[in-house]
Amino acid sequence: MTGYLSTGQYCCYNIKGTVIPCENSGQDGEFRTGIPWPHERFVVDGQLVLDQLTGLQWLKNANPAEFPVTWQEALDHISRMNREKKEGCTDWRLPNRRELRSLMAFETRKPALPAEHPFENVFLGWYWTSSTAAIHPAYAWYMHMEGARMFFGHKEQYCLFWPVCSQGKRILPVTGQKKCYDAAGNEIPCRGTGQDGELQMGLAWPGSRFETRQATVLDKLTGLYWLQDADVSPGIMNWREALHYVKNLEVPLPETSMRWRLPTINELESLVDCSRHSPALPVEHPFENVRDTYWSSTSSFFEPDWAWALYMHKGATGVGFKQEAGFHLWPVASQID
């Protein structure tokens, strides 16, 4: 089982945002890699919603506090939910960044949730996660429900939160975060904080995660092959140039059935270690020439003339204008059904 989810994108778009046939496009919508979504993804049980893809259970009400709160207030509110056994559960928590990202769909917007979702009171704004931003520990990661952007905000800001419970199916990897921090960015003991660093929810990484094979690197967590040289292209390029360049890449792969392609945004994000920054990669990574920004093959459904990109120094996911030469290329390969 791979350690990343399908994005849910099934259409393909040209550099101007017009829908085009997916065949030979090299885009996310052509390959649709990652763990596929079940036909019936959500099951409602009163005020609880089970996501059958991840096994995580969410509150049906996506705004239990009614008003925006600070990061610590969100953690405190969830602690009260556990003491009060809200909906019969005592394992409520603020989702880590991979748990909250697991709800995001990349072929919808306003909100960027699967089209058939049953949730109520979804606010088109920022939602806290329990993961601190390693590059600025006084900030925590949050997601914007309007279009699925992921960045970090100061912990004293006011945002919404969406509690989750249960351990899930262990298909979402841990974020890599093992320490805890207060709102000022000071490291504190993790016990009883409810933070990502305390709970470390998710699939554990292999003890030796990366295996170098000549010019390629196998990530044994996801089964993906990456080029060891993370800057194989001649500098920055626009999105169309990146898609074209990777098609002509002549670096041998372990199996003839594999081919190099531009990674989806979920594949790129799977490399991120939330305990690190500049780059936000696991400490033992063997990659060379790591740059800050990388194109993905996933178009932005919010504005299809933009595409998703990973900001590797921070670990953030955002978008770039397809026609601008703004990002680098990092090819990936895997078995394609």
Protein backbone atom coordinates (compact mmCIF):
# COMPACT_ATOMS: atom_id res chain seq x y z
CA MET A 1 0.00 0.00 0.00
CA THR A 2 1.47 3.33 -1.02
CA GLY A 3 1.85 6.09 1.53
CA TYR A 4 -0.01 8.77 -0.41
CA LEU A 5 -3.54 9.27 -1.72
CA SER A 6 -4.91 9.92 -5.17
CA THR A 7 -5.68 13.62 -5.59
CA GLY A 8 -9.12 12.95 -7.08
CA GLN A 9 -8.23 14.88 -10.25
CA TYR A 10 -9.63 13.20 -13.36
CA CYS A 11 -9.52 15.98 -15.98
CA CYS A 12 -6.54 17.46 -17.80
CA TYR A 13 -5.96 21.10 -18.70
CA ASN A 14 -3.65 22.97 -21.02
CA ILE A 15 -1.46 25.91 -20.07
CA LYS A 16 -4.41 28.31 -20.53
CA GLY A 17 -6.72 26.25 -18.29
CA THR A 18 -8.83 24.71 -21.06
CA VAL A 19 -9.90 21.06 -20.65
CA ILE A 20 -8.01 18.75 -23.04
CA PRO A 21 -7.88 14.97 -23.62
CA CYS A 22 -5.75 13.29 -20.95
CA GLU A 23 -4.06 10.74 -23.22
CA ASN A 24 -0.32 11.43 -23.51
CA SER A 25 -0.70 14.66 -21.53
CA GLY A 26 1.58 13.45 -18.73
CA GLN A 27 -0.78 15.04 -16.22
CA ASP A 28 -2.26 13.90 -12.91
CA GLY A 29 -5.62 13.27 -14.60
CA GLU A 30 -4.03 10.79 -17.01
CA PHE A 31 -2.21 8.57 -14.50
CA ARG A 32 -4.35 9.05 -11.33
CA THR A 33 -1.69 7.52 -9.11
CA GLY A 34 -1.96 6.95 -5.36
CA ILE A 35 -4.42 5.06 -3.18
CA PRO A 36 -7.77 5.27 -5.04
CA TRP A 37 -10.89 6.54 -3.35
CA PRO A 38 -13.65 4.01 -2.54
CA HIS A 39 -16.89 4.31 -4.50
CA GLU A 40 -18.77 5.27 -1.33
CA ARG A 41 -16.23 7.28 0.59
CA PHE A 42 -18.20 8.70 3.54
CA VAL A 43 -20.54 6.94 5.97
CA VAL A 44 -22.63 9.09 8.30
CA ASP A 45 -23.47 7.89 11.81
CA GLY A 46 -25.37 10.63 13.61
CA GLN A 47 -22.91 13.48 14.12
CA LEU A 48 -19.93 11.38 13.08
CA VAL A 49 -18.63 10.78 9.55
CA LEU A 50 -16.34 7.85 8.74
CA ASP A 51 -13.97 8.37 5.82
CA GLN A 52 -13.66 4.86 4.39
CA LEU A 53 -10.53 5.84 2.48
CA THR A 54 -8.46 6.60 5.58
CA GLY A 55 -10.51 5.11 8.42
CA LEU A 56 -10.53 8.51 10.14
CA GLN A 57 -13.71 9.70 11.81
CA TRP A 58 -14.64 13.38 11.60
CA LEU A 59 -17.29 15.54 13.17
CA LYS A 60 -20.10 16.15 10.71
CA ASN A 61 -20.11 19.75 11.91
CA ALA A 62 -16.93 21.29 10.50
CA ASN A 63 -17.14 24.31 12.81
CA PRO A 64 -17.78 23.06 16.38
CA ALA A 65 -16.50 26.22 18.10
CA GLU A 66 -18.67 28.48 15.88
CA PHE A 67 -16.03 31.22 15.93
CA PRO A 68 -12.33 31.36 14.97
CA VAL A 69 -9.89 30.64 17.78
CA THR A 70 -6.15 30.66 18.37
CA TRP A 71 -4.13 27.48 17.94
CA GLN A 72 -3.91 26.82 21.68
CA GLU A 73 -7.62 27.52 22.13
CA ALA A 74 -8.35 24.88 19.47
CA LEU A 75 -6.20 22.33 21.34
CA ASP A 76 -7.91 23.26 24.63
CA HIS A 77 -11.37 22.93 23.10
CA ILE A 78 -10.57 19.43 21.88
CA SER A 79 -9.24 18.49 25.32
CA ARG A 80 -12.66 19.44 26.74
CA MET A 81 -14.38 17.36 24.07
CA ASN A 82 -12.46 14.31 25.32
CA ARG A 83 -13.30 15.01 28.97
CA GLU A 84 -16.97 15.36 28.02
CA LYS A 85 -16.85 12.26 25.76
CA LYS A 86 -18.24 14.19 22.82
CA GLU A 87 -20.32 11.84 20.61
CA GLY A 88 -19.07 8.96 22.78
CA CYS A 89 -15.40 9.44 21.83
CA THR A 90 -12.42 10.13 24.08
CA ASP A 91 -9.72 10.24 21.41
CA TRP A 92 -10.56 13.51 19.67
CA ARG A 93 -7.58 15.45 18.37
CA LEU A 94 -6.65 18.34 16.15
CA PRO A 95 -5.68 16.66 12.86
CA ASN A 96 -2.07 16.77 11.78
CA ARG A 97 -1.36 18.27 8.39
CA ARG A 98 -1.50 14.97 6.49
CA GLU A 99 -4.79 14.03 8.13
CA LEU A 100 -6.41 17.33 7.18
CA ARG A 101 -4.92 17.20 3.66
CA SER A 102 -6.47 13.73 3.23
CA LEU A 103 -9.90 15.36 2.97
CA MET A 104 -8.86 17.65 0.14
CA ALA A 105 -10.07 17.02 -3.41
CA PHE A 106 -8.30 18.59 -6.36
CA GLU A 107 -11.23 18.56 -8.79
CA THR A 108 -13.53 20.68 -6.61
CA ARG A 109 -13.48 24.10 -4.98
CA LYS A 110 -15.42 26.21 -2.46
CA PRO A 111 -14.93 23.90 -0.57
CA ALA A 112 -12.12 21.71 -1.89
CA LEU A 113 -13.78 18.56 -0.55
CA PRO A 114 -15.04 15.49 -2.43
CA ALA A 115 -18.23 16.38 -4.28
CA GLU A 116 -20.39 13.92 -2.33
CA HIS A 117 -19.16 14.96 1.12
CA PRO A 118 -21.84 15.09 3.86
CA PHE A 119 -20.22 17.72 6.10
CA GLU A 120 -22.00 20.79 7.42
CA ASN A 121 -20.85 24.31 8.28
CA VAL A 122 -17.66 24.13 6.22
CA PHE A 123 -16.15 27.60 6.37
CA LEU A 124 -14.25 28.82 3.28
CA GLY A 125 -11.21 29.88 5.26
CA TRP A 126 -8.19 28.64 7.21
CA TYR A 127 -8.33 25.54 9.44
CA TRP A 128 -5.66 24.70 12.02
CA THR A 129 -3.65 21.49 12.11
CA SER A 130 -1.73 20.16 15.12
CA SER A 131 1.58 20.40 13.21
CA THR A 132 4.01 23.19 14.01
CA ALA A 133 5.92 24.81 11.14
CA ALA A 134 9.55 23.74 11.63
CA ILE A 135 10.85 26.82 9.83
CA HIS A 136 8.98 29.12 12.29
CA PRO A 137 7.88 27.23 15.47
CA ALA A 138 5.64 30.11 16.56
CA TYR A 139 3.54 29.22 13.51
CA ALA A 140 1.40 26.16 12.79
CA TRP A 141 0.30 24.62 9.52
CA TYR A 142 -3.20 25.35 8.31
CA MET A 143 -5.34 24.60 5.25
CA HIS A 144 -7.65 26.86 3.29
CA MET A 145 -10.93 25.12 2.48
CA GLU A 146 -11.71 27.31 -0.50
CA GLY A 147 -9.02 25.79 -2.72
CA ALA A 148 -6.81 23.47 -0.56
CA ARG A 149 -3.77 25.72 -0.12
CA MET A 150 -1.50 24.71 2.77
CA PHE A 151 0.72 27.24 4.52
CA PHE A 152 1.44 28.30 8.09
CA GLY A 153 0.03 31.04 10.29
CA HIS A 154 1.03 32.54 13.63
CA LYS A 155 -0.43 30.51 16.46
CA GLU A 156 -2.03 33.64 17.94
CA GLN A 157 -4.09 34.15 14.78
CA TYR A 158 -7.77 33.23 14.78
CA CYS A 159 -8.78 30.29 12.58
CA LEU A 160 -11.27 27.44 12.66
CA PHE A 161 -10.60 23.80 13.52
CA TRP A 162 -12.14 20.43 12.66
CA PRO A 163 -11.69 17.58 15.17
CA VAL A 164 -10.87 14.03 14.11
CA CYS A 165 -10.77 10.77 16.05
CA SER A 166 -9.72 7.11 15.62
CA GLN A 167 -6.34 5.88 14.43
CA GLY A 168 -7.47 5.22 10.88
CA LYS A 169 -6.14 2.55 8.56
CA ARG A 170 -2.48 3.58 8.91
CA ILE A 171 -2.16 4.49 5.25
CA LEU A 172 -1.30 8.13 5.91
CA PRO A 173 2.35 8.41 6.95
CA VAL A 174 3.40 10.25 10.09
CA THR A 175 4.50 13.82 9.38
CA GLY A 176 7.94 13.34 10.94
CA GLN A 177 7.29 15.83 13.75
CA LYS A 178 8.51 14.62 17.16
CA LYS A 179 8.78 17.82 19.21
CA CYS A 180 6.19 20.21 20.64
CA TYR A 181 6.15 23.99 20.87
CA ASP A 182 4.13 26.70 22.58
CA ALA A 183 2.58 29.71 20.88
CA ALA A 184 5.82 31.65 21.18
CA GLY A 185 7.78 28.92 19.41
CA ASN A 186 9.53 27.61 22.52
CA GLU A 187 10.05 23.84 22.75
CA ILE A 188 7.96 22.30 25.54
CA PRO A 189 7.37 18.76 26.87
CA CYS A 190 4.93 16.98 24.60
CA ARG A 191 2.92 15.05 27.18
CA GLY A 192 -0.68 16.21 27.32
CA THR A 193 -0.35 18.84 24.60
CA GLY A 194 -2.41 17.04 21.94
CA GLN A 195 0.08 18.25 19.35
CA ASP A 196 1.35 16.32 16.35
CA GLY A 197 4.72 15.84 18.07
CA GLU A 198 3.07 14.05 20.98
CA LEU A 199 0.62 11.83 19.10
CA GLN A 200 2.67 11.10 15.95
CA MET A 201 -0.36 9.59 14.27
CA GLY A 202 0.08 7.64 11.06
CA LEU A 203 2.08 5.01 9.25
CA ALA A 204 5.66 4.80 10.54
CA TRP A 205 8.47 5.39 8.05
CA PRO A 206 10.80 2.49 7.24
CA GLY A 207 13.96 2.46 9.35
CA SER A 208 16.03 3.01 6.23
CA ARG A 209 13.63 4.94 4.05
CA PHE A 210 15.69 5.67 0.92
CA GLU A 211 17.67 3.28 -1.26
CA THR A 212 19.98 4.71 -3.91
CA ARG A 213 20.09 2.79 -7.19
CA GLN A 214 22.58 4.41 -9.55
CA ALA A 215 20.99 7.73 -10.59
CA THR A 216 17.63 6.96 -8.92
CA VAL A 217 16.37 6.79 -5.35
CA LEU A 218 13.62 4.42 -4.17
CA ASP A 219 11.43 5.78 -1.38
CA LYS A 220 10.46 2.59 0.44
CA LEU A 221 7.59 4.37 2.19
CA THR A 222 5.73 5.11 -1.05
CA GLY A 223 7.35 2.84 -3.65
CA LEU A 224 8.16 5.90 -5.77
CA TYR A 225 11.43 6.33 -7.67
CA TRP A 226 12.93 9.82 -7.74
CA LEU A 227 15.96 11.14 -9.54
CA GLN A 228 18.85 11.55 -7.11
CA ASP A 229 19.63 14.84 -8.86
CA ALA A 230 16.71 17.05 -7.82
CA ASP A 231 17.63 19.68 -10.42
CA VAL A 232 18.00 17.67 -13.61
CA SER A 233 16.41 20.31 -15.83
CA PRO A 234 18.25 23.39 -17.14
CA GLY A 235 16.95 25.76 -14.46
CA ILE A 236 13.40 27.00 -13.94
CA MET A 237 10.74 26.47 -16.59
CA ASN A 238 7.04 26.92 -17.18
CA TRP A 239 4.55 24.09 -16.68
CA ARG A 240 4.30 23.02 -20.32
CA GLU A 241 8.10 22.93 -20.60
CA ALA A 242 8.30 20.75 -17.49
CA LEU A 243 5.75 18.25 -18.86
CA HIS A 244 7.60 18.09 -22.17
CA TYR A 245 11.07 17.78 -20.64
CA VAL A 246 10.21 14.81 -18.44
CA LYS A 247 8.81 12.85 -21.41
CA ASN A 248 12.22 12.91 -23.06
CA LEU A 249 14.24 12.03 -19.97
CA GLU A 250 16.61 9.15 -20.66
CA VAL A 251 17.59 7.85 -17.24
CA PRO A 252 17.27 4.05 -16.88
CA LEU A 253 14.59 2.67 -14.54
CA PRO A 254 14.48 -0.75 -12.80
CA GLU A 255 11.62 -1.98 -14.97
CA THR A 256 10.68 -1.28 -18.58
CA SER A 257 7.03 -0.78 -17.57
CA MET A 258 7.99 2.36 -15.64
CA ARG A 259 8.28 5.82 -17.12
CA TRP A 260 9.38 9.19 -15.83
CA ARG A 261 6.64 11.74 -15.29
CA LEU A 262 5.87 14.94 -13.43
CA PRO A 263 4.75 14.04 -9.88
CA THR A 264 1.30 14.83 -8.50
CA ILE A 265 1.10 17.31 -5.65
CA ASN A 266 0.44 14.43 -3.22
CA GLU A 267 3.53 12.59 -4.44
CA LEU A 268 5.67 15.68 -3.92
CA GLU A 269 4.19 16.30 -0.48
CA SER A 270 4.93 12.69 0.53
CA LEU A 271 8.63 13.61 0.66
CA VAL A 272 8.15 16.31 3.30
CA ASP A 273 9.47 15.85 6.83
CA CYS A 274 7.60 18.29 9.06
CA SER A 275 10.40 18.35 11.61
CA ARG A 276 12.80 19.95 9.12
CA HIS A 277 13.15 22.85 6.74
CA SER A 278 15.47 24.26 4.08
CA PRO A 279 14.89 21.65 2.74
CA ALA A 280 11.92 19.99 4.44
CA LEU A 281 13.29 16.51 3.71
CA PRO A 282 14.19 13.63 6.06
CA VAL A 283 17.66 14.08 7.53
CA GLU A 284 19.01 10.93 5.87
CA HIS A 285 17.82 11.83 2.36
CA PRO A 286 20.38 11.13 -0.40
CA PHE A 287 19.18 13.76 -2.88
CA GLU A 288 21.46 16.32 -4.50
CA ASN A 289 20.87 19.88 -5.73
CA VAL A 290 17.53 20.27 -3.94
CA ARG A 291 15.78 23.49 -4.95
CA ASP A 292 12.97 25.42 -3.29
CA THR A 293 10.03 25.17 -5.72
CA TYR A 294 8.80 22.27 -7.85
CA TRP A 295 5.98 21.91 -10.36
CA SER A 296 3.45 19.12 -9.94
CA SER A 297 1.29 17.54 -12.64
CA THR A 298 -1.86 18.57 -10.73
CA SER A 299 -3.77 21.56 -12.10
CA SER A 300 -5.47 23.99 -9.76
CA PHE A 301 -9.21 23.45 -10.13
CA PHE A 302 -9.74 26.86 -8.55
CA GLU A 303 -7.90 28.44 -11.51
CA PRO A 304 -6.93 25.78 -14.10
CA ASP A 305 -4.38 28.04 -15.77
CA TRP A 306 -2.40 27.57 -12.54
CA ALA A 307 -0.85 24.32 -11.28
CA TRP A 308 0.08 23.02 -7.85
CA ALA A 309 3.65 23.30 -6.64
CA LEU A 310 5.67 22.30 -3.58
CA TYR A 311 7.79 24.85 -1.73
CA MET A 312 10.48 22.51 -0.50
CA HIS A 313 12.31 24.85 1.90
CA LYS A 314 9.13 25.42 3.90
CA GLY A 315 7.18 22.25 3.07
CA ALA A 316 4.19 24.28 1.86
CA THR A 317 1.86 23.54 -1.06
CA GLY A 318 0.71 26.39 -3.25
CA VAL A 319 0.15 27.18 -6.91
CA GLY A 320 2.01 28.80 -9.78
CA PHE A 321 0.89 30.41 -13.03
CA LYS A 322 1.49 27.79 -15.72
CA GLN A 323 2.75 30.25 -18.33
CA GLU A 324 5.52 31.65 -16.12
CA ALA A 325 8.94 30.04 -15.87
CA GLY A 326 8.92 29.98 -12.09
CA PHE A 327 9.60 26.46 -10.79
CA HIS A 328 11.94 23.51 -11.13
CA LEU A 329 11.29 19.92 -12.24
CA TRP A 330 11.83 16.77 -10.15
CA PRO A 331 10.76 13.66 -12.10
CA VAL A 332 9.18 10.62 -10.45
CA ALA A 333 8.45 7.09 -11.64
CA SER A 334 6.31 4.19 -10.45
CA GLN A 335 4.34 1.23 -11.69
CA ILE A 336 1.29 2.45 -13.63
CA ASP A 337 -1.71 0.14 -13.87
